[in-house]
Amino acid sequence: MSAWATGVVVVGGCVVVGLSATGPLGTSWVNRLSLAAFALFAAWLLWRLGGVHAVPTRAGLRVRNVIYTRELEWAQVVSVRFGSGDAWVRLDLADGSTLAVMGIQRADGARGDAEARRLAALVQAHGEAHEEPRA
């Protein structure tokens, strides 16, 4: 199910519960407002979780994680790491920092490994990296 569809189901379910709730707690405006706020937060969170990705372009790499999106030039990426204990790919950057790439995850199994190798090949071809993903 897509992130949008899941968000619609969550918000729709909260609306149905909020409108059909009866009793001393179900009719309070504070209760309904808090349910609406929860539904909006849950929809936003599902949208962000469902939208994590890494998109290569000729100029560089766009990494969208849960909270932020970062645009990198290829020369900024020094190496790609995807060790056996890592939940997702990590990029070593030229400024000494590390950036998680949540769009390529260990939970994806062989597909995640293949995507990590593909990203490492792109970095090697376009940037400063000259090595395979390190463990």
N, C-alpha and C. Protein backbone atom coordinates (compact mmCIF):
# COMPACT_ATOMS: atom_id res chain seq x y z
N MET A 1 0.86 -1.17 0.00
CA MET A 1 0.00 0.00 0.00
C MET A 1 0.90 1.23 0.00
N SER A 2 0.55 2.21 -0.80
CA SER A 2 1.37 3.41 -0.88
C SER A 2 1.23 4.27 0.38
N ALA A 3 2.17 5.17 0.54
CA ALA A 3 2.13 6.06 1.71
C ALA A 3 0.88 6.92 1.69
N TRP A 4 0.50 7.40 0.50
CA TRP A 4 -0.71 8.23 0.40
C TRP A 4 -1.95 7.44 0.80
N ALA A 5 -2.07 6.21 0.31
CA ALA A 5 -3.24 5.39 0.62
C ALA A 5 -3.29 5.09 2.11
N THR A 6 -2.15 4.78 2.70
CA THR A 6 -2.11 4.50 4.13
C THR A 6 -2.50 5.74 4.92
N GLY A 7 -2.01 6.89 4.52
CA GLY A 7 -2.38 8.14 5.19
C GLY A 7 -3.87 8.42 5.11
N VAL A 8 -4.46 8.17 3.94
CA VAL A 8 -5.90 8.38 3.77
C VAL A 8 -6.68 7.44 4.67
N VAL A 9 -6.24 6.17 4.76
CA VAL A 9 -6.91 5.21 5.62
C VAL A 9 -6.82 5.64 7.08
N VAL A 10 -5.65 6.08 7.52
CA VAL A 10 -5.48 6.51 8.92
C VAL A 10 -6.35 7.73 9.22
N VAL A 11 -6.28 8.75 8.38
CA VAL A 11 -7.08 9.95 8.61
C VAL A 11 -8.57 9.62 8.53
N GLY A 12 -8.95 8.84 7.54
CA GLY A 12 -10.36 8.45 7.40
C GLY A 12 -10.86 7.68 8.61
N GLY A 13 -10.03 6.75 9.10
CA GLY A 13 -10.41 5.99 10.29
C GLY A 13 -10.57 6.89 11.51
N CYS A 14 -9.68 7.84 11.67
CA CYS A 14 -9.79 8.78 12.80
C CYS A 14 -11.03 9.66 12.67
N VAL A 15 -11.36 10.07 11.45
CA VAL A 15 -12.56 10.88 11.24
C VAL A 15 -13.80 10.08 11.60
N VAL A 16 -13.87 8.82 11.15
CA VAL A 16 -15.02 7.97 11.45
C VAL A 16 -15.15 7.78 12.96
N VAL A 17 -14.06 7.46 13.62
CA VAL A 17 -14.09 7.26 15.07
C VAL A 17 -14.48 8.56 15.77
N GLY A 18 -13.90 9.67 15.34
CA GLY A 18 -14.20 10.96 15.97
C GLY A 18 -15.65 11.38 15.82
N LEU A 19 -16.24 11.11 14.66
CA LEU A 19 -17.63 11.51 14.44
C LEU A 19 -18.63 10.54 15.05
N SER A 20 -18.25 9.27 15.18
CA SER A 20 -19.21 8.29 15.70
C SER A 20 -19.07 8.04 17.19
N ALA A 21 -18.05 8.57 17.82
CA ALA A 21 -17.84 8.34 19.25
C ALA A 21 -18.95 8.98 20.06
N THR A 22 -19.44 8.24 21.03
CA THR A 22 -20.48 8.75 21.93
C THR A 22 -20.01 8.57 23.36
N GLY A 23 -20.73 9.13 24.27
CA GLY A 23 -20.38 9.00 25.67
C GLY A 23 -19.72 10.26 26.18
N PRO A 24 -19.37 10.27 27.46
CA PRO A 24 -18.82 11.48 28.08
C PRO A 24 -17.48 11.90 27.48
N LEU A 25 -16.66 10.98 27.02
CA LEU A 25 -15.37 11.35 26.46
C LEU A 25 -15.44 11.60 24.96
N GLY A 26 -16.35 10.96 24.27
CA GLY A 26 -16.41 11.04 22.82
C GLY A 26 -16.98 12.34 22.28
N THR A 27 -17.71 13.09 23.08
CA THR A 27 -18.35 14.30 22.57
C THR A 27 -17.60 15.58 22.93
N SER A 28 -16.55 15.48 23.68
CA SER A 28 -15.78 16.66 24.07
C SER A 28 -15.05 17.23 22.86
N TRP A 29 -15.06 18.56 22.72
CA TRP A 29 -14.37 19.19 21.59
C TRP A 29 -12.86 19.00 21.71
N VAL A 30 -12.35 18.93 22.95
CA VAL A 30 -10.92 18.70 23.16
C VAL A 30 -10.54 17.31 22.67
N ASN A 31 -11.41 16.34 22.95
CA ASN A 31 -11.16 14.97 22.51
C ASN A 31 -11.13 14.89 20.99
N ARG A 32 -12.09 15.52 20.35
CA ARG A 32 -12.15 15.49 18.89
C ARG A 32 -10.97 16.24 18.27
N LEU A 33 -10.60 17.35 18.87
CA LEU A 33 -9.46 18.12 18.37
C LEU A 33 -8.16 17.33 18.51
N SER A 34 -7.98 16.66 19.64
CA SER A 34 -6.76 15.86 19.83
C SER A 34 -6.73 14.67 18.87
N LEU A 35 -7.88 14.08 18.59
CA LEU A 35 -7.93 12.99 17.62
C LEU A 35 -7.59 13.49 16.22
N ALA A 36 -8.08 14.66 15.86
CA ALA A 36 -7.76 15.24 14.55
C ALA A 36 -6.27 15.56 14.46
N ALA A 37 -5.70 16.10 15.53
CA ALA A 37 -4.27 16.40 15.54
C ALA A 37 -3.44 15.12 15.42
N PHE A 38 -3.86 14.08 16.12
CA PHE A 38 -3.16 12.80 16.01
C PHE A 38 -3.25 12.25 14.60
N ALA A 39 -4.42 12.33 13.98
CA ALA A 39 -4.60 11.83 12.62
C ALA A 39 -3.70 12.57 11.64
N LEU A 40 -3.62 13.88 11.78
CA LEU A 40 -2.76 14.67 10.89
C LEU A 40 -1.28 14.33 11.10
N PHE A 41 -0.87 14.19 12.35
CA PHE A 41 0.51 13.82 12.63
C PHE A 41 0.83 12.43 12.08
N ALA A 42 -0.08 11.47 12.29
CA ALA A 42 0.14 10.11 11.79
C ALA A 42 0.22 10.10 10.27
N ALA A 43 -0.64 10.86 9.61
CA ALA A 43 -0.61 10.94 8.15
C ALA A 43 0.71 11.55 7.67
N TRP A 44 1.16 12.62 8.33
CA TRP A 44 2.43 13.25 7.97
C TRP A 44 3.59 12.27 8.15
N LEU A 45 3.60 11.57 9.28
CA LEU A 45 4.68 10.63 9.56
C LEU A 45 4.71 9.49 8.54
N LEU A 46 3.54 8.94 8.21
CA LEU A 46 3.49 7.88 7.21
C LEU A 46 3.93 8.38 5.85
N TRP A 47 3.56 9.61 5.50
CA TRP A 47 3.96 10.21 4.23
C TRP A 47 5.48 10.34 4.17
N ARG A 48 6.09 10.81 5.27
CA ARG A 48 7.54 10.98 5.29
C ARG A 48 8.26 9.62 5.30
N LEU A 49 7.75 8.66 6.07
CA LEU A 49 8.37 7.34 6.10
C LEU A 49 8.26 6.64 4.75
N GLY A 50 7.13 6.82 4.09
CA GLY A 50 6.93 6.20 2.78
C GLY A 50 7.68 6.89 1.67
N GLY A 51 8.18 8.08 1.93
CA GLY A 51 8.84 8.85 0.88
C GLY A 51 10.35 8.91 0.95
N VAL A 52 10.96 8.11 1.85
CA VAL A 52 12.43 8.13 1.92
C VAL A 52 13.00 7.55 0.63
N HIS A 53 14.01 8.20 0.08
CA HIS A 53 14.62 7.74 -1.16
C HIS A 53 15.95 8.44 -1.39
N ALA A 54 16.67 7.90 -2.35
CA ALA A 54 17.90 8.52 -2.84
C ALA A 54 17.79 8.56 -4.35
N VAL A 55 17.83 9.75 -4.92
CA VAL A 55 17.66 9.92 -6.37
C VAL A 55 18.96 10.46 -6.97
N PRO A 56 19.62 9.65 -7.80
CA PRO A 56 20.83 10.15 -8.47
C PRO A 56 20.47 11.02 -9.67
N THR A 57 21.24 12.08 -9.87
CA THR A 57 21.10 12.93 -11.05
C THR A 57 22.50 13.11 -11.64
N ARG A 58 22.59 13.80 -12.75
CA ARG A 58 23.92 14.05 -13.32
C ARG A 58 24.76 14.92 -12.39
N ALA A 59 24.12 15.83 -11.68
CA ALA A 59 24.84 16.76 -10.81
C ALA A 59 25.20 16.16 -9.46
N GLY A 60 24.41 15.21 -8.97
CA GLY A 60 24.67 14.68 -7.65
C GLY A 60 23.61 13.73 -7.18
N LEU A 61 23.36 13.76 -5.89
CA LEU A 61 22.45 12.83 -5.24
C LEU A 61 21.51 13.59 -4.32
N ARG A 62 20.22 13.31 -4.43
CA ARG A 62 19.24 13.89 -3.52
C ARG A 62 18.81 12.79 -2.56
N VAL A 63 19.03 13.01 -1.26
CA VAL A 63 18.71 12.04 -0.23
C VAL A 63 17.56 12.60 0.60
N ARG A 64 16.44 11.89 0.58
CA ARG A 64 15.29 12.30 1.39
C ARG A 64 15.12 11.28 2.51
N ASN A 65 15.31 11.74 3.74
CA ASN A 65 15.08 10.92 4.92
C ASN A 65 13.78 11.39 5.58
N VAL A 66 13.48 10.88 6.76
CA VAL A 66 12.20 11.19 7.40
C VAL A 66 12.04 12.67 7.67
N ILE A 67 13.03 13.32 8.21
CA ILE A 67 12.89 14.71 8.63
C ILE A 67 13.35 15.70 7.58
N TYR A 68 14.41 15.41 6.86
CA TYR A 68 14.97 16.41 5.95
C TYR A 68 15.36 15.79 4.61
N THR A 69 15.56 16.67 3.64
CA THR A 69 16.06 16.30 2.32
C THR A 69 17.37 17.03 2.10
N ARG A 70 18.36 16.32 1.58
CA ARG A 70 19.67 16.94 1.37
C ARG A 70 20.12 16.70 -0.07
N GLU A 71 20.58 17.76 -0.71
CA GLU A 71 21.12 17.69 -2.07
C GLU A 71 22.64 17.66 -1.98
N LEU A 72 23.25 16.66 -2.58
CA LEU A 72 24.71 16.53 -2.56
C LEU A 72 25.26 16.55 -3.97
N GLU A 73 26.41 17.16 -4.13
CA GLU A 73 27.14 17.03 -5.39
C GLU A 73 27.95 15.74 -5.29
N TRP A 74 28.22 15.11 -6.43
CA TRP A 74 28.95 13.84 -6.41
C TRP A 74 30.30 13.98 -5.70
N ALA A 75 30.98 15.09 -5.88
CA ALA A 75 32.30 15.27 -5.27
C ALA A 75 32.23 15.33 -3.75
N GLN A 76 31.06 15.59 -3.18
CA GLN A 76 30.92 15.64 -1.72
C GLN A 76 30.90 14.24 -1.10
N VAL A 77 30.59 13.22 -1.89
CA VAL A 77 30.48 11.85 -1.38
C VAL A 77 31.82 11.14 -1.55
N VAL A 78 32.43 10.77 -0.43
CA VAL A 78 33.74 10.13 -0.45
C VAL A 78 33.60 8.61 -0.57
N SER A 79 32.69 8.02 0.20
CA SER A 79 32.50 6.57 0.14
C SER A 79 31.09 6.19 0.56
N VAL A 80 30.74 4.95 0.23
CA VAL A 80 29.43 4.37 0.55
C VAL A 80 29.69 3.19 1.47
N ARG A 81 29.02 3.16 2.62
CA ARG A 81 29.17 2.05 3.57
C ARG A 81 27.82 1.38 3.79
N PHE A 82 27.84 0.03 3.83
CA PHE A 82 26.63 -0.73 4.11
C PHE A 82 27.04 -2.00 4.84
N GLY A 83 27.57 -1.82 6.04
CA GLY A 83 28.05 -2.95 6.83
C GLY A 83 26.94 -3.88 7.25
N SER A 84 27.31 -5.08 7.65
CA SER A 84 26.30 -6.09 8.01
C SER A 84 25.45 -5.67 9.21
N GLY A 85 25.96 -4.80 10.07
CA GLY A 85 25.18 -4.34 11.21
C GLY A 85 24.44 -3.04 10.98
N ASP A 86 24.60 -2.45 9.80
CA ASP A 86 23.95 -1.17 9.51
C ASP A 86 22.52 -1.39 9.04
N ALA A 87 21.61 -0.57 9.55
CA ALA A 87 20.21 -0.65 9.12
C ALA A 87 20.02 -0.08 7.73
N TRP A 88 20.82 0.90 7.36
CA TRP A 88 20.73 1.52 6.04
C TRP A 88 22.11 2.00 5.61
N VAL A 89 22.19 2.38 4.34
CA VAL A 89 23.45 2.86 3.77
C VAL A 89 23.88 4.14 4.47
N ARG A 90 25.18 4.30 4.61
CA ARG A 90 25.75 5.54 5.14
C ARG A 90 26.75 6.08 4.14
N LEU A 91 26.69 7.39 3.93
CA LEU A 91 27.63 8.05 3.04
C LEU A 91 28.66 8.79 3.88
N ASP A 92 29.93 8.59 3.58
CA ASP A 92 30.99 9.40 4.18
C ASP A 92 31.17 10.61 3.27
N LEU A 93 31.06 11.79 3.86
CA LEU A 93 31.12 13.02 3.07
C LEU A 93 32.48 13.69 3.21
N ALA A 94 32.80 14.53 2.24
CA ALA A 94 34.10 15.20 2.18
C ALA A 94 34.36 16.08 3.39
N ASP A 95 33.31 16.60 4.03
CA ASP A 95 33.50 17.47 5.20
C ASP A 95 33.72 16.68 6.49
N GLY A 96 33.81 15.35 6.39
CA GLY A 96 34.06 14.51 7.56
C GLY A 96 32.80 13.98 8.22
N SER A 97 31.64 14.42 7.79
CA SER A 97 30.39 13.96 8.39
C SER A 97 29.90 12.70 7.67
N THR A 98 28.88 12.10 8.25
CA THR A 98 28.26 10.90 7.70
C THR A 98 26.78 11.19 7.50
N LEU A 99 26.22 10.71 6.40
CA LEU A 99 24.80 10.91 6.10
C LEU A 99 24.14 9.56 5.89
N ALA A 100 23.08 9.28 6.64
CA ALA A 100 22.31 8.05 6.46
C ALA A 100 21.44 8.19 5.21
N VAL A 101 21.32 7.09 4.48
CA VAL A 101 20.44 7.03 3.30
C VAL A 101 19.38 6.00 3.63
N MET A 102 18.27 6.45 4.23
CA MET A 102 17.24 5.53 4.69
C MET A 102 16.48 4.85 3.55
N GLY A 103 16.65 5.33 2.34
CA GLY A 103 15.98 4.73 1.19
C GLY A 103 16.59 3.40 0.76
N ILE A 104 17.79 3.08 1.24
CA ILE A 104 18.44 1.79 0.95
C ILE A 104 18.66 1.10 2.29
N GLN A 105 17.83 0.09 2.58
CA GLN A 105 17.81 -0.50 3.90
C GLN A 105 18.21 -1.97 3.90
N ARG A 106 18.78 -2.41 5.02
CA ARG A 106 19.15 -3.80 5.21
C ARG A 106 17.91 -4.70 5.15
N ALA A 107 16.78 -4.21 5.60
CA ALA A 107 15.55 -5.00 5.60
C ALA A 107 15.11 -5.40 4.19
N ASP A 108 15.62 -4.72 3.17
CA ASP A 108 15.27 -5.05 1.79
C ASP A 108 16.07 -6.23 1.24
N GLY A 109 16.96 -6.79 2.05
CA GLY A 109 17.70 -7.99 1.67
C GLY A 109 18.59 -7.79 0.46
N ALA A 110 18.46 -8.71 -0.51
CA ALA A 110 19.31 -8.68 -1.70
C ALA A 110 19.10 -7.41 -2.51
N ARG A 111 17.88 -6.90 -2.53
CA ARG A 111 17.61 -5.65 -3.25
C ARG A 111 18.39 -4.49 -2.62
N GLY A 112 18.42 -4.43 -1.30
CA GLY A 112 19.18 -3.39 -0.61
C GLY A 112 20.67 -3.49 -0.91
N ASP A 113 21.20 -4.72 -0.91
CA ASP A 113 22.61 -4.92 -1.25
C ASP A 113 22.91 -4.46 -2.67
N ALA A 114 22.02 -4.81 -3.61
CA ALA A 114 22.21 -4.41 -5.01
C ALA A 114 22.16 -2.90 -5.17
N GLU A 115 21.24 -2.25 -4.46
CA GLU A 115 21.13 -0.79 -4.55
C GLU A 115 22.35 -0.11 -3.94
N ALA A 116 22.90 -0.69 -2.87
CA ALA A 116 24.12 -0.13 -2.26
C ALA A 116 25.29 -0.24 -3.23
N ARG A 117 25.41 -1.38 -3.92
CA ARG A 117 26.48 -1.54 -4.91
C ARG A 117 26.28 -0.57 -6.07
N ARG A 118 25.04 -0.39 -6.49
CA ARG A 118 24.77 0.54 -7.59
C ARG A 118 25.13 1.97 -7.19
N LEU A 119 24.77 2.37 -5.97
CA LEU A 119 25.11 3.71 -5.49
C LEU A 119 26.63 3.88 -5.40
N ALA A 120 27.32 2.85 -4.90
CA ALA A 120 28.79 2.93 -4.82
C ALA A 120 29.40 3.08 -6.21
N ALA A 121 28.84 2.38 -7.20
CA ALA A 121 29.35 2.50 -8.57
C ALA A 121 29.10 3.90 -9.12
N LEU A 122 27.94 4.47 -8.82
CA LEU A 122 27.65 5.84 -9.27
C LEU A 122 28.60 6.84 -8.62
N VAL A 123 28.84 6.67 -7.33
CA VAL A 123 29.76 7.57 -6.62
C VAL A 123 31.16 7.44 -7.20
N GLN A 124 31.57 6.21 -7.48
CA GLN A 124 32.91 5.99 -8.04
C GLN A 124 33.02 6.61 -9.43
N ALA A 125 31.98 6.49 -10.22
CA ALA A 125 32.01 7.02 -11.58
C ALA A 125 31.94 8.55 -11.62
N HIS A 126 31.21 9.15 -10.68
CA HIS A 126 30.98 10.59 -10.73
C HIS A 126 31.74 11.40 -9.68
N GLY A 127 32.15 10.74 -8.60
CA GLY A 127 32.71 11.51 -7.50
C GLY A 127 34.11 11.10 -7.14
N GLU A 128 34.41 11.23 -5.85
CA GLU A 128 35.76 10.98 -5.36
C GLU A 128 35.98 9.55 -4.89
N ALA A 129 34.92 8.79 -4.70
CA ALA A 129 35.07 7.45 -4.13
C ALA A 129 35.73 6.50 -5.11
N HIS A 130 36.59 5.63 -4.58
CA HIS A 130 37.27 4.65 -5.43
C HIS A 130 37.25 3.29 -4.75
N GLU A 131 36.12 2.95 -4.15
CA GLU A 131 36.04 1.69 -3.45
C GLU A 131 34.62 1.17 -3.43
N GLU A 132 34.48 -0.13 -3.12
CA GLU A 132 33.18 -0.78 -2.99
C GLU A 132 32.62 -0.47 -1.60
N PRO A 133 31.32 -0.77 -1.38
CA PRO A 133 30.77 -0.55 -0.04
C PRO A 133 31.58 -1.32 1.00
N ARG A 134 31.91 -0.66 2.10
CA ARG A 134 32.71 -1.28 3.15
C ARG A 134 31.80 -1.87 4.21
N ALA A 135 32.27 -2.92 4.82
CA ALA A 135 31.53 -3.55 5.91
C ALA A 135 31.84 -2.86 7.21
